[in-house]
Protein backbone atom coordinates (compact mmCIF):
# COMPACT_ATOMS: atom_id res chain seq x y z
CA MET A 1 60.09 -7.92 -25.39
CA PRO A 2 59.24 -4.54 -23.76
CA ALA A 3 56.16 -4.26 -23.12
CA PRO A 4 54.72 -0.36 -24.73
CA LYS A 5 53.07 1.96 -22.25
CA LEU A 6 50.48 3.53 -23.51
CA PRO A 7 48.17 6.38 -21.16
CA GLY A 8 46.86 5.77 -18.00
CA ARG A 9 43.37 5.66 -18.94
CA LEU A 10 43.90 3.47 -22.42
CA GLY A 11 46.11 0.76 -20.03
CA THR A 12 49.26 -1.39 -20.50
CA TYR A 13 49.79 -3.99 -23.37
CA ILE A 14 52.18 -6.65 -22.38
CA ALA A 15 53.95 -9.00 -25.10
CA SER A 16 55.66 -12.49 -23.55
CA SER A 17 57.14 -15.41 -25.47
CA VAL A 18 55.53 -18.41 -24.89
CA ALA A 19 56.42 -21.73 -27.01
CA GLY A 20 58.45 -19.34 -29.05
CA GLU A 21 55.72 -17.06 -30.43
CA THR A 22 54.55 -13.95 -29.09
CA VAL A 23 51.65 -13.41 -26.90
CA ARG A 24 50.26 -10.15 -26.18
CA ALA A 25 48.14 -9.25 -23.65
CA PHE A 26 46.60 -6.31 -22.66
CA ILE A 27 46.12 -4.98 -19.14
CA PRO A 28 42.81 -2.10 -18.27
CA PRO A 29 43.67 0.16 -16.24
CA PRO A 30 42.57 -0.12 -12.76
CA LEU A 31 38.92 0.77 -12.00
CA PRO A 32 38.13 4.11 -10.16
CA PRO A 33 37.43 3.58 -6.45
CA VAL A 34 33.59 3.63 -5.86
CA PRO A 35 32.33 7.06 -4.02
CA LYS A 36 31.01 6.59 -0.72
CA LEU A 37 27.50 7.30 -0.04
CA GLU A 38 27.74 10.22 2.59
CA LEU A 39 24.37 9.69 4.33
CA ASP A 40 24.90 12.97 6.66
CA GLY A 41 25.09 15.16 3.07
CA LEU A 42 22.09 13.20 2.05
CA TYR A 43 20.10 13.72 4.95
CA HIS A 44 21.44 17.65 4.80
CA HIS A 45 19.84 18.40 1.55
CA LEU A 46 16.90 16.60 2.57
CA GLU A 47 16.72 19.06 5.25
CA ARG A 48 17.71 21.85 3.07
CA ALA A 49 15.35 20.58 0.25
CA SER A 50 11.78 20.63 2.74
CA GLN A 51 13.18 24.18 4.36
CA SER A 52 13.48 25.49 1.20
CA LEU A 53 10.14 23.94 -0.27
CA GLY A 54 8.48 24.98 2.54
CA ARG A 55 8.77 28.95 2.03
CA PHE A 56 6.86 28.79 -0.75
CA ASN A 57 3.55 28.10 1.26
CA SER A 58 2.28 26.33 -1.96
CA MET A 59 -0.86 24.35 -2.10
CA THR A 60 0.81 21.93 -0.33
CA ASN A 61 3.73 22.74 2.43
CA LEU A 62 5.68 20.01 1.94
CA THR A 63 7.31 20.39 5.14
CA ALA A 64 3.87 19.51 6.96
CA ALA A 65 3.23 15.68 6.57
CA CYS A 66 4.72 15.74 2.96
CA GLY A 67 1.99 18.01 1.69
CA HIS A 68 -0.84 17.20 3.62
CA ALA A 69 -2.91 20.07 1.75
CA MET A 70 -1.69 18.93 -1.63
CA LEU A 71 -3.05 15.41 -1.03
CA GLY A 72 -5.68 16.68 0.70
CA VAL A 73 -6.85 18.58 -2.09
CA THR A 74 -5.90 15.78 -4.71
CA LEU A 75 -7.84 13.28 -2.06
CA LEU A 76 -10.74 15.30 -2.52
CA TYR A 77 -11.30 15.75 -6.28
CA LEU A 78 -10.02 12.30 -6.57
CA ALA A 79 -13.79 11.23 -4.53
CA VAL A 80 -15.39 13.23 -6.80
CA GLN A 81 -13.97 11.36 -9.75
CA ILE A 82 -15.30 8.02 -8.16
CA VAL A 83 -18.37 8.86 -7.83
CA THR A 84 -18.53 10.74 -11.30
CA ILE A 85 -17.09 7.25 -13.22
CA SER A 86 -18.87 4.98 -10.59
CA LEU A 87 -22.21 6.16 -11.79
CA ALA A 88 -21.31 6.87 -15.63
CA GLY A 89 -19.60 3.24 -15.47
CA TYR A 90 -22.84 1.73 -13.93
CA ALA A 91 -25.13 3.30 -16.74
CA PHE A 92 -22.93 2.25 -19.42
CA ALA A 93 -22.46 -1.39 -18.24
CA ARG A 94 -25.72 -2.09 -16.79
CA LEU A 95 -28.51 0.33 -18.01
CA SER A 96 -30.26 0.54 -21.95
CA PHE A 97 -31.34 3.60 -23.25
CA PRO A 98 -31.97 4.85 -26.01
CA GLY A 99 -27.92 5.70 -28.58
CA ARG A 100 -25.94 4.24 -25.11
CA ASP A 101 -23.41 2.66 -27.29
CA PHE A 102 -23.12 6.16 -29.30
CA ILE A 103 -22.92 8.34 -26.15
CA PHE A 104 -20.34 6.01 -24.73
CA TYR A 105 -17.86 6.09 -27.96
CA VAL A 106 -18.27 10.03 -28.25
CA PHE A 107 -17.61 9.84 -24.71
CA LEU A 108 -14.17 8.28 -25.44
CA LEU A 109 -13.45 11.04 -27.93
CA GLN A 110 -12.06 12.69 -25.00
CA LEU A 111 -8.70 10.32 -24.95
CA MET A 112 -7.72 11.18 -28.39
CA LEU A 113 -8.03 15.00 -27.13
CA VAL A 114 -4.52 16.56 -26.21
CA PRO A 115 -4.86 18.13 -22.91
CA PRO A 116 -3.09 21.44 -23.63
CA ILE A 117 -5.66 21.92 -26.41
CA LEU A 118 -8.10 22.51 -23.80
CA ILE A 119 -6.23 25.00 -21.44
CA VAL A 120 -7.91 27.97 -23.27
CA PRO A 121 -11.36 27.13 -23.48
CA ASN A 122 -11.15 25.55 -20.02
CA LEU A 123 -9.82 29.11 -18.90
CA ARG A 124 -12.35 31.16 -20.14
CA THR A 125 -15.12 28.76 -18.30
CA ILE A 126 -13.18 29.38 -15.51
CA VAL A 127 -12.74 32.31 -15.44
CA ASP A 128 -16.78 32.79 -16.38
CA LEU A 129 -17.63 30.96 -13.71
CA GLY A 130 -15.50 33.19 -10.66
CA LEU A 131 -13.15 30.00 -10.16
CA TYR A 132 -9.65 31.68 -11.20
CA GLY A 133 -7.23 31.91 -9.16
CA SER A 134 -8.59 29.35 -6.33
CA LEU A 135 -7.85 25.98 -5.87
CA LEU A 136 -11.40 24.93 -7.05
CA GLY A 137 -10.91 26.33 -10.28
CA VAL A 138 -7.68 23.52 -10.91
CA MET A 139 -9.99 21.06 -9.77
CA ALA A 140 -12.90 21.76 -12.30
CA PRO A 141 -12.29 20.65 -15.30
CA TYR A 142 -10.56 16.85 -13.54
CA PHE A 143 -14.40 15.95 -12.16
CA ALA A 144 -15.03 13.54 -14.62
CA SER A 145 -12.60 11.44 -16.34
CA ALA A 146 -13.47 9.41 -19.72
CA PHE A 147 -10.56 6.53 -19.16
CA GLY A 148 -11.78 6.29 -15.60
CA THR A 149 -15.58 5.96 -17.25
CA PHE A 150 -13.61 3.32 -19.68
CA LEU A 151 -12.30 1.71 -16.86
CA MET A 152 -15.38 0.82 -14.64
CA ARG A 153 -17.84 0.21 -17.34
CA GLN A 154 -15.13 -2.52 -18.30
CA THR A 155 -14.78 -3.80 -14.86
CA PHE A 156 -18.70 -3.82 -14.04
CA ARG A 157 -19.14 -5.90 -17.43
CA GLN A 158 -16.89 -8.61 -16.08
CA ILE A 159 -19.14 -9.05 -13.31
CA PRO A 160 -21.77 -11.82 -13.28
CA ARG A 161 -25.17 -10.46 -12.63
CA ASP A 162 -26.30 -13.17 -10.72
CA PHE A 163 -25.09 -10.88 -7.87
CA GLU A 164 -27.30 -8.39 -9.01
CA GLU A 165 -30.73 -10.05 -9.33
CA ALA A 166 -29.86 -12.06 -6.08
CA ALA A 167 -29.95 -8.44 -4.49
CA VAL A 168 -33.54 -7.11 -6.42
CA ILE A 169 -34.79 -10.35 -5.11
CA ASP A 170 -33.47 -9.02 -1.35
CA GLY A 171 -35.60 -6.03 -2.57
CA ALA A 172 -32.62 -3.64 -2.98
CA HIS A 173 -32.24 -0.32 -5.25
CA TRP A 174 -30.22 0.05 -8.02
CA TRP A 175 -28.42 2.23 -5.91
CA GLN A 176 -27.96 -0.15 -3.14
CA ILE A 177 -26.85 -2.85 -5.44
CA LEU A 178 -23.75 -0.36 -6.97
CA TRP A 179 -22.80 0.64 -3.11
CA HIS A 180 -22.88 -2.85 -1.99
CA VAL A 181 -22.41 -5.32 -4.53
CA LEU A 182 -20.73 -3.74 -7.47
CA LEU A 183 -18.31 -1.54 -5.92
CA PRO A 184 -16.93 -3.91 -3.67
CA MET A 185 -16.00 -6.55 -6.51
CA ALA A 186 -14.58 -3.50 -8.63
CA LYS A 187 -12.21 -2.42 -5.91
CA PRO A 188 -8.72 -3.32 -8.26
CA GLY A 189 -10.36 -1.45 -10.85
CA LEU A 190 -10.87 1.32 -8.32
CA ILE A 191 -7.48 1.26 -7.08
CA ALA A 192 -5.90 1.05 -10.18
CA PHE A 193 -7.64 4.76 -11.80
CA SER A 194 -6.64 6.55 -8.12
CA LEU A 195 -3.11 5.49 -9.00
CA VAL A 196 -2.73 6.89 -12.70
CA SER A 197 -4.94 10.00 -11.37
CA LEU A 198 -3.13 10.63 -8.24
CA MET A 199 0.38 10.30 -10.34
CA ALA A 200 -1.31 12.64 -13.30
CA HIS A 201 -2.73 15.14 -10.99
CA TRP A 202 0.47 15.28 -8.31
CA ASN A 203 2.81 15.86 -10.69
CA GLU A 204 0.67 18.45 -13.20
CA PHE A 205 1.80 21.63 -14.07
CA LEU A 206 1.01 23.64 -16.58
CA TRP A 207 -2.71 24.18 -16.14
CA PRO A 208 -2.25 24.93 -12.41
CA LEU A 209 0.06 27.46 -13.40
CA MET A 210 -2.68 28.68 -15.60
CA VAL A 211 -5.08 29.08 -13.05
CA LEU A 212 -3.17 30.24 -9.58
CA ASN A 213 -2.29 33.57 -9.70
CA GLU A 214 -0.80 33.63 -5.75
CA PRO A 215 2.27 31.91 -4.68
CA ARG A 216 -0.05 30.88 -1.34
CA THR A 217 -2.06 28.92 -3.88
CA HIS A 218 0.97 27.26 -5.92
CA THR A 219 1.17 23.71 -6.16
CA LEU A 220 3.98 22.02 -5.61
CA THR A 221 5.19 21.09 -8.71
CA ILE A 222 5.08 25.19 -9.83
CA GLY A 223 6.75 26.01 -6.15
CA LEU A 224 10.12 22.70 -7.22
CA ALA A 225 10.27 24.51 -10.36
CA THR A 226 10.07 28.07 -8.83
CA PHE A 227 12.93 27.14 -6.55
CA ALA A 228 15.21 25.40 -9.20
CA LEU A 229 15.33 28.29 -10.94
CA SER A 230 15.70 31.22 -8.50
CA THR A 231 19.31 31.92 -7.03
CA GLU A 232 19.31 29.84 -4.55
CA GLY A 233 18.33 27.01 -6.29
CA GLY A 234 20.02 27.38 -9.39
CA ARG A 235 23.48 25.57 -8.76
CA GLU A 236 22.26 23.58 -5.77
CA TRP A 237 22.14 20.40 -7.25
CA GLY A 238 21.91 17.94 -4.74
CA LEU A 239 19.48 19.90 -3.51
CA LEU A 240 17.42 19.69 -5.99
CA ALA A 241 17.96 16.71 -6.26
CA ALA A 242 16.72 15.84 -2.53
CA GLY A 243 13.13 18.42 -3.16
CA THR A 244 12.70 16.06 -6.02
CA LEU A 245 12.96 13.14 -4.48
CA LEU A 246 11.10 14.21 -1.02
CA VAL A 247 8.53 15.29 -4.34
CA MET A 248 8.13 12.11 -5.90
CA PHE A 249 8.40 9.75 -2.28
CA PRO A 250 4.51 9.58 -1.91
CA LEU A 251 3.48 8.64 -5.78
CA LEU A 252 6.56 5.62 -4.94
CA ALA A 253 5.31 4.70 -2.01
CA LEU A 254 1.86 4.82 -3.53
CA PHE A 255 2.49 2.83 -6.42
CA ALA A 256 4.54 0.11 -3.91
CA VAL A 257 2.11 -0.51 -1.50
CA PHE A 258 -0.75 -0.83 -4.24
CA GLN A 259 0.86 -2.15 -7.38
CA ARG A 260 -0.25 -6.01 -7.18
CA GLN A 261 -3.71 -4.02 -7.26
CA PHE A 262 -2.80 -2.38 -9.76
CA VAL A 263 -1.99 -5.12 -11.81
CA ASN A 264 -4.88 -6.99 -11.14
CA SER A 265 -7.66 -4.33 -12.15
CA PHE A 266 -6.33 -4.82 -15.86
CA MET A 267 -6.77 -8.38 -15.99
CA PHE A 268 -9.98 -8.47 -13.88
CA ALA A 269 -10.98 -5.53 -16.89
CA GLY A 270 -10.49 -7.88 -19.68
CA LEU A 271 -7.76 -5.52 -20.33
CA LYS A 272 -4.56 -7.20 -20.62
CA GLY A 273 -2.34 -7.85 -23.70
């Protein structure tokens, strides 16, 4: 029996007779060849993306050590955050004062607020303080963190008080207990919060766009968005993909290095499941 031919995309039917019965089989079309990865083209796009993004001279220059300025500013307010959440977490976990639990629950209400709701009041505060258009104005609203305070409180509560009592017997003050006893044991929680904070603020777009008004102070996300909307990068999909890869690479590297500590921190803090 002749085999009916179908269009190349659909394949071919083959009919044959086996033991007096007609058997029909369908042969699918051959798979298309696997495209070959051209590393030279990838390197070319990465180089062009690095040069193009560097022209924006934003808070970071991507071509200078993967955005050393942006990373420096991010690490600056991350250091301030670690100080504030450590002190607040210690106060809510170890100190006894009237209304402690009520204040803590009120403090956690910040987690229920959508960040765009706070843009207008925060922007008015930044203008009144004279920080509009500066990198300090971008960092100021994030110097405290309700999530970080909650995470450190849970972490400190999981540490036995025997270590603190031994330090008190040796004559240590509260700040020495926090620095030399609690914080070293709470390192997984600090690493987890640092990763979450870095990822959130490295990718921040709306708030820096509202505060910064000069191209030389724009963040890397604003520079990438501006480049994507420009004439040069509008149709260069390979160039845009390479630029996006360069922007997200530091975060991928950090998570790859500290992913075990990130998971262990939530297990240690009693947040698993």
